[in-house]
């Protein structure tokens, strides 16, 4: 029988599941922080433009940009 490189990791993932369940979930606060930081220029942008800018900044600065 051929050994799967993932078979040992399955048990580790299962044992970590209990530990992960007590960790707080990410709350997605970055978008609010970015929007707040951009408030001084809010009068120069429409609401839609401001929202697009906030999302663009978030997408370029979050962990997603690195993976």
C-alpha atoms as a PDB file:
ATOM      1  CA  UNK A   1       0.000   0.000   0.000  1.00  0.00           C
ATOM      2  CA  UNK A   2       1.315   3.399  -0.974  1.00  0.00           C
ATOM      3  CA  UNK A   3       1.802   5.941   1.794  1.00  0.00           C
ATOM      4  CA  UNK A   4      -0.048   9.218   1.330  1.00  0.00           C
ATOM      5  CA  UNK A   5       1.931  12.340   2.244  1.00  0.00           C
ATOM      6  CA  UNK A   6      -1.251  13.783   3.756  1.00  0.00           C
ATOM      7  CA  UNK A   7      -2.267  10.870   5.966  1.00  0.00           C
ATOM      8  CA  UNK A   8      -0.185  11.979   8.944  1.00  0.00           C
ATOM      9  CA  UNK A   9      -1.437  15.541   8.647  1.00  0.00           C
ATOM     10  CA  UNK A  10      -5.081  14.504   8.872  1.00  0.00           C
ATOM     11  CA  UNK A  11      -4.735  13.538  12.515  1.00  0.00           C
ATOM     12  CA  UNK A  12      -2.918  16.775  13.263  1.00  0.00           C
ATOM     13  CA  UNK A  13      -5.665  18.808  11.625  1.00  0.00           C
ATOM     14  CA  UNK A  14      -8.319  17.032  13.622  1.00  0.00           C
ATOM     15  CA  UNK A  15      -6.515  17.584  16.915  1.00  0.00           C
ATOM     16  CA  UNK A  16      -6.084  21.288  16.123  1.00  0.00           C
ATOM     17  CA  UNK A  17      -9.775  21.704  15.320  1.00  0.00           C
ATOM     18  CA  UNK A  18     -10.682  21.857  19.015  1.00  0.00           C
ATOM     19  CA  UNK A  19      -7.970  24.414  19.683  1.00  0.00           C
ATOM     20  CA  UNK A  20      -9.058  26.528  16.698  1.00  0.00           C
ATOM     21  CA  UNK A  21     -12.676  26.506  17.805  1.00  0.00           C
ATOM     22  CA  UNK A  22     -11.800  28.617  20.851  1.00  0.00           C
ATOM     23  CA  UNK A  23      -9.892  31.219  18.814  1.00  0.00           C
ATOM     24  CA  UNK A  24     -11.800  34.392  17.929  1.00  0.00           C
ATOM     25  CA  UNK A  25     -12.829  34.749  14.313  1.00  0.00           C
ATOM     26  CA  UNK A  26     -11.428  37.579  12.241  1.00  0.00           C
ATOM     27  CA  UNK A  27     -13.808  40.481  12.500  1.00  0.00           C
ATOM     28  CA  UNK A  28     -13.011  42.284   9.235  1.00  0.00           C
ATOM     29  CA  UNK A  29     -12.243  45.586  10.920  1.00  0.00           C
ATOM     30  CA  UNK A  30      -9.652  46.767   8.391  1.00  0.00           C
ATOM     31  CA  UNK A  31     -12.232  48.142   5.962  1.00  0.00           C
ATOM     32  CA  UNK A  32     -13.705  50.319   8.705  1.00  0.00           C
ATOM     33  CA  UNK A  33     -10.268  51.531   9.746  1.00  0.00           C
ATOM     34  CA  UNK A  34      -9.343  52.419   6.179  1.00  0.00           C
ATOM     35  CA  UNK A  35     -12.662  54.211   5.632  1.00  0.00           C
ATOM     36  CA  UNK A  36     -12.086  56.194   8.825  1.00  0.00           C
ATOM     37  CA  UNK A  37      -8.564  57.122   7.749  1.00  0.00           C
ATOM     38  CA  UNK A  38      -9.914  58.431   4.426  1.00  0.00           C
ATOM     39  CA  UNK A  39     -12.602  60.623   6.036  1.00  0.00           C
ATOM     40  CA  UNK A  40     -10.541  63.837   5.596  1.00  0.00           C
ATOM     41  CA  UNK A  41     -10.754  63.452   1.801  1.00  0.00           C
ATOM     42  CA  UNK A  42     -14.344  62.230   1.827  1.00  0.00           C
ATOM     43  CA  UNK A  43     -15.708  65.450   0.392  1.00  0.00           C
ATOM     44  CA  UNK A  44     -13.614  64.967  -2.759  1.00  0.00           C
ATOM     45  CA  UNK A  45     -15.058  61.555  -3.592  1.00  0.00           C
ATOM     46  CA  UNK A  46     -18.524  60.225  -4.172  1.00  0.00           C
ATOM     47  CA  UNK A  47     -19.664  57.485  -1.820  1.00  0.00           C
ATOM     48  CA  UNK A  48     -19.119  54.887  -4.558  1.00  0.00           C
ATOM     49  CA  UNK A  49     -15.611  56.184  -5.314  1.00  0.00           C
ATOM     50  CA  UNK A  50     -14.739  56.203  -1.625  1.00  0.00           C
ATOM     51  CA  UNK A  51     -15.960  52.629  -1.223  1.00  0.00           C
ATOM     52  CA  UNK A  52     -13.977  51.485  -4.268  1.00  0.00           C
ATOM     53  CA  UNK A  53     -10.847  53.175  -2.908  1.00  0.00           C
ATOM     54  CA  UNK A  54     -11.277  51.560   0.504  1.00  0.00           C
ATOM     55  CA  UNK A  55     -11.638  48.126  -1.093  1.00  0.00           C
ATOM     56  CA  UNK A  56      -8.655  48.708  -3.371  1.00  0.00           C
ATOM     57  CA  UNK A  57      -6.456  49.683  -0.439  1.00  0.00           C
ATOM     58  CA  UNK A  58      -7.664  46.694   1.563  1.00  0.00           C
ATOM     59  CA  UNK A  59      -6.993  44.269  -1.271  1.00  0.00           C
ATOM     60  CA  UNK A  60      -3.464  45.609  -1.689  1.00  0.00           C
ATOM     61  CA  UNK A  61      -2.605  45.569   2.018  1.00  0.00           C
ATOM     62  CA  UNK A  62      -4.290  42.423   3.329  1.00  0.00           C
ATOM     63  CA  UNK A  63      -2.866  38.937   3.616  1.00  0.00           C
ATOM     64  CA  UNK A  64      -4.651  38.086   0.377  1.00  0.00           C
ATOM     65  CA  UNK A  65      -2.131  40.233  -1.520  1.00  0.00           C
ATOM     66  CA  UNK A  66       0.636  37.951  -0.326  1.00  0.00           C
ATOM     67  CA  UNK A  67      -0.861  34.588  -1.245  1.00  0.00           C
END
